Amino acid sequence: MIVAVFVFAPLGLPAWYVLAGTRILGVPLIAGLSFELIKWAGRHRARRWVRAVIWPGMQLQRLTTREPDLDQLAVAAAALEAVLAVEDPLAATDGDRVDMEVVA
């Protein structure tokens, strides 16, 4: 939201059709800038001022998310085992690996 304020503030308050168009076209720009800003903040969170800037967002995340309980972890482990039983990345052929995403 803060990035959007900085991107759209110089535009002022144009006519409604220009306003709607800039908002629609500006979404990818704002998303890209926000993503890069979050990555940068993650790399520099040892700095006290960066921690102060990201603190409100971290508090909001703390309100909206929580650690999974043991039942949820058991379901996740069972789902992973079921997928690995069908898709073994080491035994897959090159053709099978086309749609397979491997996260290291």
PDB file of N, CA and C in Angstrom:
ATOM      1  N   MET A   1       0.823  -1.180   0.000  1.00  0.00           N
ATOM      2  CA  MET A   1       0.000   0.000   0.000  1.00  0.00           C
ATOM      3  C   MET A   1       0.874   1.254   0.000  1.00  0.00           C
ATOM      4  N   ILE A   2       1.954   1.223   0.752  1.00  0.00           N
ATOM      5  CA  ILE A   2       2.847   2.372   0.815  1.00  0.00           C
ATOM      6  C   ILE A   2       3.504   2.606  -0.542  1.00  0.00           C
ATOM      7  N   VAL A   3       3.888   1.523  -1.208  1.00  0.00           N
ATOM      8  CA  VAL A   3       4.477   1.644  -2.544  1.00  0.00           C
ATOM      9  C   VAL A   3       3.463   2.261  -3.502  1.00  0.00           C
ATOM     10  N   ALA A   4       2.216   1.867  -3.419  1.00  0.00           N
ATOM     11  CA  ALA A   4       1.170   2.423  -4.287  1.00  0.00           C
ATOM     12  C   ALA A   4       1.007   3.920  -4.046  1.00  0.00           C
ATOM     13  N   VAL A   5       1.099   4.350  -2.808  1.00  0.00           N
ATOM     14  CA  VAL A   5       0.986   5.781  -2.512  1.00  0.00           C
ATOM     15  C   VAL A   5       2.110   6.548  -3.196  1.00  0.00           C
ATOM     16  N   PHE A   6       3.334   6.029  -3.112  1.00  0.00           N
ATOM     17  CA  PHE A   6       4.460   6.708  -3.737  1.00  0.00           C
ATOM     18  C   PHE A   6       4.391   6.675  -5.261  1.00  0.00           C
ATOM     19  N   VAL A   7       3.825   5.622  -5.821  1.00  0.00           N
ATOM     20  CA  VAL A   7       3.711   5.533  -7.284  1.00  0.00           C
ATOM     21  C   VAL A   7       2.600   6.436  -7.800  1.00  0.00           C
ATOM     22  N   PHE A   8       1.461   6.473  -7.134  1.00  0.00           N
ATOM     23  CA  PHE A   8       0.307   7.195  -7.650  1.00  0.00           C
ATOM     24  C   PHE A   8       0.224   8.653  -7.182  1.00  0.00           C
ATOM     25  N   ALA A   9       0.915   9.037  -6.137  1.00  0.00           N
ATOM     26  CA  ALA A   9       0.823  10.403  -5.625  1.00  0.00           C
ATOM     27  C   ALA A   9       1.231  11.451  -6.655  1.00  0.00           C
ATOM     28  N   PRO A  10       2.283  11.235  -7.440  1.00  0.00           N
ATOM     29  CA  PRO A  10       2.646  12.271  -8.427  1.00  0.00           C
ATOM     30  C   PRO A  10       1.589  12.488  -9.509  1.00  0.00           C
ATOM     31  N   LEU A  11       0.689  11.536  -9.703  1.00  0.00           N
ATOM     32  CA  LEU A  11      -0.335  11.680 -10.732  1.00  0.00           C
ATOM     33  C   LEU A  11      -1.438  12.651 -10.337  1.00  0.00           C
ATOM     34  N   GLY A  12      -1.552  12.935  -9.060  1.00  0.00           N
ATOM     35  CA  GLY A  12      -2.610  13.834  -8.608  1.00  0.00           C
ATOM     36  C   GLY A  12      -3.968  13.159  -8.684  1.00  0.00           C
ATOM     37  N   LEU A  13      -4.998  13.938  -8.999  1.00  0.00           N
ATOM     38  CA  LEU A  13      -6.362  13.414  -9.105  1.00  0.00           C
ATOM     39  C   LEU A  13      -6.900  13.707 -10.506  1.00  0.00           C
ATOM     40  N   PRO A  14      -6.536  12.860 -11.479  1.00  0.00           N
ATOM     41  CA  PRO A  14      -7.010  13.084 -12.853  1.00  0.00           C
ATOM     42  C   PRO A  14      -8.472  12.656 -13.006  1.00  0.00           C
ATOM     43  N   ALA A  15      -8.960  12.732 -14.224  1.00  0.00           N
ATOM     44  CA  ALA A  15     -10.333  12.300 -14.523  1.00  0.00           C
ATOM     45  C   ALA A  15     -10.491  10.825 -14.168  1.00  0.00           C
ATOM     46  N   TRP A  16     -11.720  10.406 -13.948  1.00  0.00           N
ATOM     47  CA  TRP A  16     -11.974   9.041 -13.459  1.00  0.00           C
ATOM     48  C   TRP A  16     -11.459   7.983 -14.418  1.00  0.00           C
ATOM     49  N   TYR A  17     -11.559   8.190 -15.729  1.00  0.00           N
ATOM     50  CA  TYR A  17     -11.112   7.169 -16.678  1.00  0.00           C
ATOM     51  C   TYR A  17      -9.583   7.072 -16.702  1.00  0.00           C
ATOM     52  N   VAL A  18      -8.887   8.191 -16.516  1.00  0.00           N
ATOM     53  CA  VAL A  18      -7.426   8.146 -16.414  1.00  0.00           C
ATOM     54  C   VAL A  18      -7.031   7.487 -15.094  1.00  0.00           C
ATOM     55  N   LEU A  19      -7.756   7.824 -14.051  1.00  0.00           N
ATOM     56  CA  LEU A  19      -7.491   7.239 -12.739  1.00  0.00           C
ATOM     57  C   LEU A  19      -7.657   5.724 -12.777  1.00  0.00           C
ATOM     58  N   ALA A  20      -8.747   5.247 -13.372  1.00  0.00           N
ATOM     59  CA  ALA A  20      -8.984   3.801 -13.461  1.00  0.00           C
ATOM     60  C   ALA A  20      -7.920   3.132 -14.323  1.00  0.00           C
ATOM     61  N   GLY A  21      -7.570   3.763 -15.436  1.00  0.00           N
ATOM     62  CA  GLY A  21      -6.551   3.183 -16.311  1.00  0.00           C
ATOM     63  C   GLY A  21      -5.186   3.094 -15.651  1.00  0.00           C
ATOM     64  N   THR A  22      -4.788   4.155 -14.961  1.00  0.00           N
ATOM     65  CA  THR A  22      -3.480   4.112 -14.294  1.00  0.00           C
ATOM     66  C   THR A  22      -3.463   3.097 -13.166  1.00  0.00           C
ATOM     67  N   ARG A  23      -4.577   2.921 -12.490  1.00  0.00           N
ATOM     68  CA  ARG A  23      -4.621   1.930 -11.407  1.00  0.00           C
ATOM     69  C   ARG A  23      -4.492   0.514 -11.971  1.00  0.00           C
ATOM     70  N   ILE A  24      -5.170   0.255 -13.077  1.00  0.00           N
ATOM     71  CA  ILE A  24      -5.110  -1.080 -13.679  1.00  0.00           C
ATOM     72  C   ILE A  24      -3.719  -1.347 -14.245  1.00  0.00           C
ATOM     73  N   LEU A  25      -3.175  -0.384 -14.959  1.00  0.00           N
ATOM     74  CA  LEU A  25      -1.852  -0.568 -15.549  1.00  0.00           C
ATOM     75  C   LEU A  25      -0.734  -0.514 -14.503  1.00  0.00           C
ATOM     76  N   GLY A  26      -0.993   0.119 -13.377  1.00  0.00           N
ATOM     77  CA  GLY A  26       0.023   0.251 -12.348  1.00  0.00           C
ATOM     78  C   GLY A  26       0.161  -0.953 -11.439  1.00  0.00           C
ATOM     79  N   VAL A  27      -0.785  -1.862 -11.472  1.00  0.00           N
ATOM     80  CA  VAL A  27      -0.737  -3.028 -10.582  1.00  0.00           C
ATOM     81  C   VAL A  27       0.532  -3.857 -10.779  1.00  0.00           C
ATOM     82  N   PRO A  28       0.928  -4.198 -12.019  1.00  0.00           N
ATOM     83  CA  PRO A  28       2.174  -4.965 -12.171  1.00  0.00           C
ATOM     84  C   PRO A  28       3.407  -4.199 -11.683  1.00  0.00           C
ATOM     85  N   LEU A  29       3.433  -2.900 -11.915  1.00  0.00           N
ATOM     86  CA  LEU A  29       4.554  -2.085 -11.446  1.00  0.00           C
ATOM     87  C   LEU A  29       4.645  -2.107  -9.925  1.00  0.00           C
ATOM     88  N   ILE A  30       3.528  -1.902  -9.278  1.00  0.00           N
ATOM     89  CA  ILE A  30       3.510  -1.889  -7.813  1.00  0.00           C
ATOM     90  C   ILE A  30       3.850  -3.262  -7.249  1.00  0.00           C
ATOM     91  N   ALA A  31       3.333  -4.307  -7.866  1.00  0.00           N
ATOM     92  CA  ALA A  31       3.638  -5.665  -7.400  1.00  0.00           C
ATOM     93  C   ALA A  31       5.123  -5.954  -7.539  1.00  0.00           C
ATOM     94  N   GLY A  32       5.709  -5.569  -8.659  1.00  0.00           N
ATOM     95  CA  GLY A  32       7.142  -5.797  -8.865  1.00  0.00           C
ATOM     96  C   GLY A  32       7.996  -5.011  -7.893  1.00  0.00           C
ATOM     97  N   LEU A  33       7.679  -3.741  -7.717  1.00  0.00           N
ATOM     98  CA  LEU A  33       8.436  -2.922  -6.768  1.00  0.00           C
ATOM     99  C   LEU A  33       8.293  -3.448  -5.346  1.00  0.00           C
ATOM    100  N   SER A  34       7.100  -3.839  -4.971  1.00  0.00           N
ATOM    101  CA  SER A  34       6.870  -4.364  -3.623  1.00  0.00           C
ATOM    102  C   SER A  34       7.646  -5.657  -3.401  1.00  0.00           C
ATOM    103  N   PHE A  35       7.641  -6.525  -4.403  1.00  0.00           N
ATOM    104  CA  PHE A  35       8.375  -7.782  -4.293  1.00  0.00           C
ATOM    105  C   PHE A  35       9.865  -7.529  -4.086  1.00  0.00           C
ATOM    106  N   GLU A  36      10.430  -6.625  -4.875  1.00  0.00           N
ATOM    107  CA  GLU A  36      11.851  -6.318  -4.743  1.00  0.00           C
ATOM    108  C   GLU A  36      12.144  -5.660  -3.398  1.00  0.00           C
ATOM    109  N   LEU A  37      11.249  -4.839  -2.919  1.00  0.00           N
ATOM    110  CA  LEU A  37      11.426  -4.196  -1.618  1.00  0.00           C
ATOM    111  C   LEU A  37      11.394  -5.219  -0.489  1.00  0.00           C
ATOM    112  N   ILE A  38      10.501  -6.190  -0.580  1.00  0.00           N
ATOM    113  CA  ILE A  38      10.424  -7.242   0.436  1.00  0.00           C
ATOM    114  C   ILE A  38      11.689  -8.099   0.417  1.00  0.00           C
ATOM    115  N   LYS A  39      12.179  -8.426  -0.785  1.00  0.00           N
ATOM    116  CA  LYS A  39      13.425  -9.188  -0.886  1.00  0.00           C
ATOM    117  C   LYS A  39      14.587  -8.414  -0.282  1.00  0.00           C
ATOM    118  N   TRP A  40      14.662  -7.119  -0.586  1.00  0.00           N
ATOM    119  CA  TRP A  40      15.734  -6.293  -0.053  1.00  0.00           C
ATOM    120  C   TRP A  40      15.655  -6.230   1.475  1.00  0.00           C
ATOM    121  N   ALA A  41      14.460  -6.051   2.006  1.00  0.00           N
ATOM    122  CA  ALA A  41      14.283  -5.973   3.458  1.00  0.00           C
ATOM    123  C   ALA A  41      14.671  -7.297   4.118  1.00  0.00           C
ATOM    124  N   GLY A  42      14.379  -8.413   3.447  1.00  0.00           N
ATOM    125  CA  GLY A  42      14.766  -9.712   3.999  1.00  0.00           C
ATOM    126  C   GLY A  42      16.272  -9.884   4.076  1.00  0.00           C
ATOM    127  N   ARG A  43      16.990  -9.341   3.090  1.00  0.00           N
ATOM    128  CA  ARG A  43      18.451  -9.433   3.095  1.00  0.00           C
ATOM    129  C   ARG A  43      19.093  -8.491   4.106  1.00  0.00           C
ATOM    130  N   HIS A  44      18.398  -7.421   4.472  1.00  0.00           N
ATOM    131  CA  HIS A  44      18.978  -6.398   5.349  1.00  0.00           C
ATOM    132  C   HIS A  44      18.242  -6.271   6.682  1.00  0.00           C
ATOM    133  N   ARG A  45      17.601  -7.326   7.123  1.00  0.00           N
ATOM    134  CA  ARG A  45      16.828  -7.197   8.364  1.00  0.00           C
ATOM    135  C   ARG A  45      17.691  -7.145   9.607  1.00  0.00           C
ATOM    136  N   ALA A  46      18.998  -7.272   9.467  1.00  0.00           N
ATOM    137  CA  ALA A  46      19.875  -7.098  10.624  1.00  0.00           C
ATOM    138  C   ALA A  46      19.967  -5.628  11.022  1.00  0.00           C
ATOM    139  N   ARG A  47      19.644  -4.735  10.103  1.00  0.00           N
ATOM    140  CA  ARG A  47      19.671  -3.303  10.402  1.00  0.00           C
ATOM    141  C   ARG A  47      18.445  -2.925  11.211  1.00  0.00           C
ATOM    142  N   ARG A  48      18.680  -2.132  12.236  1.00  0.00           N
ATOM    143  CA  ARG A  48      17.602  -1.768  13.154  1.00  0.00           C
ATOM    144  C   ARG A  48      16.482  -0.991  12.451  1.00  0.00           C
ATOM    145  N   TRP A  49      16.805  -0.058  11.562  1.00  0.00           N
ATOM    146  CA  TRP A  49      15.777   0.744  10.912  1.00  0.00           C
ATOM    147  C   TRP A  49      14.941  -0.084   9.947  1.00  0.00           C
ATOM    148  N   VAL A  50      15.539  -1.125   9.342  1.00  0.00           N
ATOM    149  CA  VAL A  50      14.766  -1.999   8.455  1.00  0.00           C
ATOM    150  C   VAL A  50      13.770  -2.801   9.286  1.00  0.00           C
ATOM    151  N   ARG A  51      14.210  -3.297  10.424  1.00  0.00           N
ATOM    152  CA  ARG A  51      13.284  -4.022  11.313  1.00  0.00           C
ATOM    153  C   ARG A  51      12.141  -3.124  11.760  1.00  0.00           C
ATOM    154  N   ALA A  52      12.437  -1.849  12.014  1.00  0.00           N
ATOM    155  CA  ALA A  52      11.388  -0.912  12.435  1.00  0.00           C
ATOM    156  C   ALA A  52      10.383  -0.681  11.310  1.00  0.00           C
ATOM    157  N   VAL A  53      10.859  -0.642  10.064  1.00  0.00           N
ATOM    158  CA  VAL A  53       9.963  -0.406   8.932  1.00  0.00           C
ATOM    159  C   VAL A  53       9.083  -1.621   8.656  1.00  0.00           C
ATOM    160  N   ILE A  54       9.632  -2.832   8.788  1.00  0.00           N
ATOM    161  CA  ILE A  54       8.840  -4.025   8.478  1.00  0.00           C
ATOM    162  C   ILE A  54       8.028  -4.527   9.677  1.00  0.00           C
ATOM    163  N   TRP A  55       8.214  -3.933  10.838  1.00  0.00           N
ATOM    164  CA  TRP A  55       7.520  -4.381  12.050  1.00  0.00           C
ATOM    165  C   TRP A  55       5.996  -4.397  11.904  1.00  0.00           C
ATOM    166  N   PRO A  56       5.349  -3.347  11.364  1.00  0.00           N
ATOM    167  CA  PRO A  56       3.881  -3.412  11.243  1.00  0.00           C
ATOM    168  C   PRO A  56       3.410  -4.581  10.376  1.00  0.00           C
ATOM    169  N   GLY A  57       4.094  -4.839   9.288  1.00  0.00           N
ATOM    170  CA  GLY A  57       3.710  -5.960   8.435  1.00  0.00           C
ATOM    171  C   GLY A  57       3.884  -7.294   9.133  1.00  0.00           C
ATOM    172  N   MET A  58       4.939  -7.417   9.916  1.00  0.00           N
ATOM    173  CA  MET A  58       5.160  -8.662  10.656  1.00  0.00           C
ATOM    174  C   MET A  58       4.084  -8.859  11.723  1.00  0.00           C
ATOM    175  N   GLN A  59       3.634  -7.781  12.342  1.00  0.00           N
ATOM    176  CA  GLN A  59       2.573  -7.891  13.335  1.00  0.00           C
ATOM    177  C   GLN A  59       1.254  -8.293  12.686  1.00  0.00           C
ATOM    178  N   LEU A  60       0.990  -7.765  11.499  1.00  0.00           N
ATOM    179  CA  LEU A  60      -0.216  -8.161  10.771  1.00  0.00           C
ATOM    180  C   LEU A  60      -0.138  -9.632  10.393  1.00  0.00           C
ATOM    181  N   GLN A  61       1.025 -10.082   9.955  1.00  0.00           N
ATOM    182  CA  GLN A  61       1.186 -11.497   9.619  1.00  0.00           C
ATOM    183  C   GLN A  61       0.979 -12.361  10.860  1.00  0.00           C
ATOM    184  N   ARG A  62       1.458 -11.895  11.996  1.00  0.00           N
ATOM    185  CA  ARG A  62       1.282 -12.646  13.241  1.00  0.00           C
ATOM    186  C   ARG A  62      -0.197 -12.783  13.617  1.00  0.00           C
ATOM    187  N   LEU A  63      -0.985 -11.758  13.290  1.00  0.00           N
ATOM    188  CA  LEU A  63      -2.420 -11.822  13.567  1.00  0.00           C
ATOM    189  C   LEU A  63      -3.153 -12.792  12.637  1.00  0.00           C
ATOM    190  N   THR A  64      -2.712 -12.867  11.392  1.00  0.00           N
ATOM    191  CA  THR A  64      -3.471 -13.606  10.392  1.00  0.00           C
ATOM    192  C   THR A  64      -2.968 -15.019  10.140  1.00  0.00           C
ATOM    193  N   THR A  65      -1.846 -15.397  10.703  1.00  0.00           N
ATOM    194  CA  THR A  65      -1.312 -16.746  10.505  1.00  0.00           C
ATOM    195  C   THR A  65      -0.962 -17.357  11.848  1.00  0.00           C
ATOM    196  N   ARG A  66      -0.888 -18.674  11.862  1.00  0.00           N
ATOM    197  CA  ARG A  66      -0.463 -19.352  13.088  1.00  0.00           C
ATOM    198  C   ARG A  66       0.230 -20.659  12.711  1.00  0.00           C
ATOM    199  N   GLU A  67       0.968 -21.198  13.640  1.00  0.00           N
ATOM    200  CA  GLU A  67       1.681 -22.448  13.423  1.00  0.00           C
ATOM    201  C   GLU A  67       0.676 -23.585  13.242  1.00  0.00           C
ATOM    202  N   PRO A  68       0.958 -24.528  12.338  1.00  0.00           N
ATOM    203  CA  PRO A  68       0.036 -25.661  12.173  1.00  0.00           C
ATOM    204  C   PRO A  68       0.073 -26.568  13.394  1.00  0.00           C
ATOM    205  N   ASP A  69      -1.074 -27.176  13.692  1.00  0.00           N
ATOM    206  CA  ASP A  69      -1.088 -28.129  14.804  1.00  0.00           C
ATOM    207  C   ASP A  69      -0.633 -29.497  14.288  1.00  0.00           C
ATOM    208  N   LEU A  70      -0.569 -30.475  15.171  1.00  0.00           N
ATOM    209  CA  LEU A  70      -0.040 -31.787  14.804  1.00  0.00           C
ATOM    210  C   LEU A  70      -0.903 -32.502  13.769  1.00  0.00           C
ATOM    211  N   ASP A  71      -2.223 -32.321  13.833  1.00  0.00           N
ATOM    212  CA  ASP A  71      -3.104 -32.937  12.837  1.00  0.00           C
ATOM    213  C   ASP A  71      -2.838 -32.381  11.437  1.00  0.00           C
ATOM    214  N   GLN A  72      -2.645 -31.073  11.344  1.00  0.00           N
ATOM    215  CA  GLN A  72      -2.356 -30.460  10.048  1.00  0.00           C
ATOM    216  C   GLN A  72      -1.006 -30.929   9.510  1.00  0.00           C
ATOM    217  N   LEU A  73      -0.029 -31.053  10.388  1.00  0.00           N
ATOM    218  CA  LEU A  73       1.282 -31.554   9.965  1.00  0.00           C
ATOM    219  C   LEU A  73       1.198 -32.996   9.482  1.00  0.00           C
ATOM    220  N   ALA A  74       0.376 -33.802  10.137  1.00  0.00           N
ATOM    221  CA  ALA A  74       0.210 -35.197   9.728  1.00  0.00           C
ATOM    222  C   ALA A  74      -0.422 -35.281   8.337  1.00  0.00           C
ATOM    223  N   VAL A  75      -1.411 -34.427   8.064  1.00  0.00           N
ATOM    224  CA  VAL A  75      -2.043 -34.402   6.751  1.00  0.00           C
ATOM    225  C   VAL A  75      -1.037 -33.962   5.688  1.00  0.00           C
ATOM    226  N   ALA A  76      -0.236 -32.961   5.994  1.00  0.00           N
ATOM    227  CA  ALA A  76       0.769 -32.486   5.041  1.00  0.00           C
ATOM    228  C   ALA A  76       1.804 -33.566   4.754  1.00  0.00           C
ATOM    229  N   ALA A  77       2.239 -34.274   5.780  1.00  0.00           N
ATOM    230  CA  ALA A  77       3.221 -35.349   5.590  1.00  0.00           C
ATOM    231  C   ALA A  77       2.630 -36.485   4.760  1.00  0.00           C
ATOM    232  N   ALA A  78       1.381 -36.840   5.019  1.00  0.00           N
ATOM    233  CA  ALA A  78       0.730 -37.899   4.240  1.00  0.00           C
ATOM    234  C   ALA A  78       0.571 -37.483   2.776  1.00  0.00           C
ATOM    235  N   ALA A  79       0.222 -36.219   2.536  1.00  0.00           N
ATOM    236  CA  ALA A  79       0.078 -35.736   1.161  1.00  0.00           C
ATOM    237  C   ALA A  79       1.420 -35.757   0.440  1.00  0.00           C
ATOM    238  N   LEU A  80       2.468 -35.354   1.124  1.00  0.00           N
ATOM    239  CA  LEU A  80       3.800 -35.375   0.521  1.00  0.00           C
ATOM    240  C   LEU A  80       4.236 -36.800   0.199  1.00  0.00           C
ATOM    241  N   GLU A  81       3.989 -37.718   1.107  1.00  0.00           N
ATOM    242  CA  GLU A  81       4.352 -39.117   0.863  1.00  0.00           C
ATOM    243  C   GLU A  81       3.566 -39.693  -0.321  1.00  0.00           C
ATOM    244  N   ALA A  82       2.292 -39.303  -0.445  1.00  0.00           N
ATOM    245  CA  ALA A  82       1.487 -39.793  -1.564  1.00  0.00           C
ATOM    246  C   ALA A  82       2.005 -39.255  -2.892  1.00  0.00           C
ATOM    247  N   VAL A  83       2.407 -38.013  -2.923  1.00  0.00           N
ATOM    248  CA  VAL A  83       2.944 -37.433  -4.152  1.00  0.00           C
ATOM    249  C   VAL A  83       4.285 -38.065  -4.492  1.00  0.00           C
ATOM    250  N   LEU A  84       5.139 -38.249  -3.511  1.00  0.00           N
ATOM    251  CA  LEU A  84       6.454 -38.845  -3.766  1.00  0.00           C
ATOM    252  C   LEU A  84       6.343 -40.297  -4.198  1.00  0.00           C
ATOM    253  N   ALA A  85       5.280 -40.976  -3.779  1.00  0.00           N
ATOM    254  CA  ALA A  85       5.078 -42.350  -4.225  1.00  0.00           C
ATOM    255  C   ALA A  85       4.761 -42.394  -5.722  1.00  0.00           C
ATOM    256  N   VAL A  86       4.103 -41.365  -6.228  1.00  0.00           N
ATOM    257  CA  VAL A  86       3.744 -41.307  -7.639  1.00  0.00           C
ATOM    258  C   VAL A  86       4.838 -40.621  -8.459  1.00  0.00           C
ATOM    259  N   GLU A  87       5.387 -39.535  -7.945  1.00  0.00           N
ATOM    260  CA  GLU A  87       6.389 -38.748  -8.657  1.00  0.00           C
ATOM    261  C   GLU A  87       7.717 -38.846  -7.929  1.00  0.00           C
ATOM    262  N   ASP A  88       8.576 -39.702  -8.394  1.00  0.00           N
ATOM    263  CA  ASP A  88       9.915 -39.792  -7.836  1.00  0.00           C
ATOM    264  C   ASP A  88      10.841 -38.996  -8.754  1.00  0.00           C
ATOM    265  N   PRO A  89      11.317 -37.840  -8.325  1.00  0.00           N
ATOM    266  CA  PRO A  89      12.132 -37.011  -9.207  1.00  0.00           C
ATOM    267  C   PRO A  89      13.398 -37.712  -9.693  1.00  0.00           C
ATOM    268  N   LEU A  90      13.941 -38.609  -8.905  1.00  0.00           N
ATOM    269  CA  LEU A  90      15.172 -39.292  -9.307  1.00  0.00           C
ATOM    270  C   LEU A  90      14.914 -40.362 -10.354  1.00  0.00           C
ATOM    271  N   ALA A  91      13.722 -40.955 -10.343  1.00  0.00           N
ATOM    272  CA  ALA A  91      13.404 -42.016 -11.296  1.00  0.00           C
ATOM    273  C   ALA A  91      12.662 -41.497 -12.522  1.00  0.00           C
ATOM    274  N   ALA A  92      12.334 -40.217 -12.559  1.00  0.00           N
ATOM    275  CA  ALA A  92      11.559 -39.655 -13.658  1.00  0.00           C
ATOM    276  C   ALA A  92      12.423 -39.503 -14.912  1.00  0.00           C
ATOM    277  N   THR A  93      11.780 -39.646 -16.049  1.00  0.00           N
ATOM    278  CA  THR A  93      12.472 -39.417 -17.322  1.00  0.00           C
ATOM    279  C   THR A  93      12.507 -37.916 -17.602  1.00  0.00           C
ATOM    280  N   ASP A  94      13.266 -37.520 -18.604  1.00  0.00           N
ATOM    281  CA  ASP A  94      13.344 -36.102 -18.946  1.00  0.00           C
ATOM    282  C   ASP A  94      11.980 -35.554 -19.353  1.00  0.00           C
ATOM    283  N   GLY A  95      11.174 -36.355 -20.049  1.00  0.00           N
ATOM    284  CA  GLY A  95       9.834 -35.927 -20.437  1.00  0.00           C
ATOM    285  C   GLY A  95       8.926 -35.716 -19.240  1.00  0.00           C
ATOM    286  N   ASP A  96       9.087 -36.551 -18.206  1.00  0.00           N
ATOM    287  CA  ASP A  96       8.275 -36.409 -16.999  1.00  0.00           C
ATOM    288  C   ASP A  96       8.672 -35.171 -16.198  1.00  0.00           C
ATOM    289  N   ARG A  97       9.929 -34.776 -16.277  1.00  0.00           N
ATOM    290  CA  ARG A  97      10.425 -33.654 -15.492  1.00  0.00           C
ATOM    291  C   ARG A  97       9.995 -32.288 -16.034  1.00  0.00           C
ATOM    292  N   VAL A  98       9.395 -32.268 -17.198  1.00  0.00           N
ATOM    293  CA  VAL A  98       8.995 -30.993 -17.801  1.00  0.00           C
ATOM    294  C   VAL A  98       8.029 -30.244 -16.894  1.00  0.00           C
ATOM    295  N   ASP A  99       7.031 -30.936 -16.362  1.00  0.00           N
ATOM    296  CA  ASP A  99       6.025 -30.282 -15.505  1.00  0.00           C
ATOM    297  C   ASP A  99       6.327 -30.440 -14.020  1.00  0.00           C
ATOM    298  N   MET A 100       7.460 -30.991 -13.666  1.00  0.00           N
ATOM    299  CA  MET A 100       7.789 -31.254 -12.279  1.00  0.00           C
ATOM    300  C   MET A 100       8.599 -30.086 -11.718  1.00  0.00           C
ATOM    301  N   GLU A 101       8.195 -29.573 -10.581  1.00  0.00           N
ATOM    302  CA  GLU A 101       8.932 -28.482  -9.954  1.00  0.00           C
ATOM    303  C   GLU A 101       9.712 -29.047  -8.783  1.00  0.00           C
ATOM    304  N   VAL A 102      11.010 -28.864  -8.819  1.00  0.00           N
ATOM    305  CA  VAL A 102      11.872 -29.346  -7.744  1.00  0.00           C
ATOM    306  C   VAL A 102      12.394 -28.160  -6.981  1.00  0.00           C
ATOM    307  N   VAL A 103      12.132 -28.117  -5.701  1.00  0.00           N
ATOM    308  CA  VAL A 103      12.574 -27.031  -4.851  1.00  0.00           C
ATOM    309  C   VAL A 103      13.715 -27.540  -3.997  1.00  0.00           C
ATOM    310  N   ALA A 104      14.838 -26.842  -4.083  1.00  0.00           N
ATOM    311  CA  ALA A 104      16.008 -27.268  -3.311  1.00  0.00           C
ATOM    312  C   ALA A 104      16.244 -26.366  -2.151  1.00  0.00           C
TER     313      ALA A 104
END
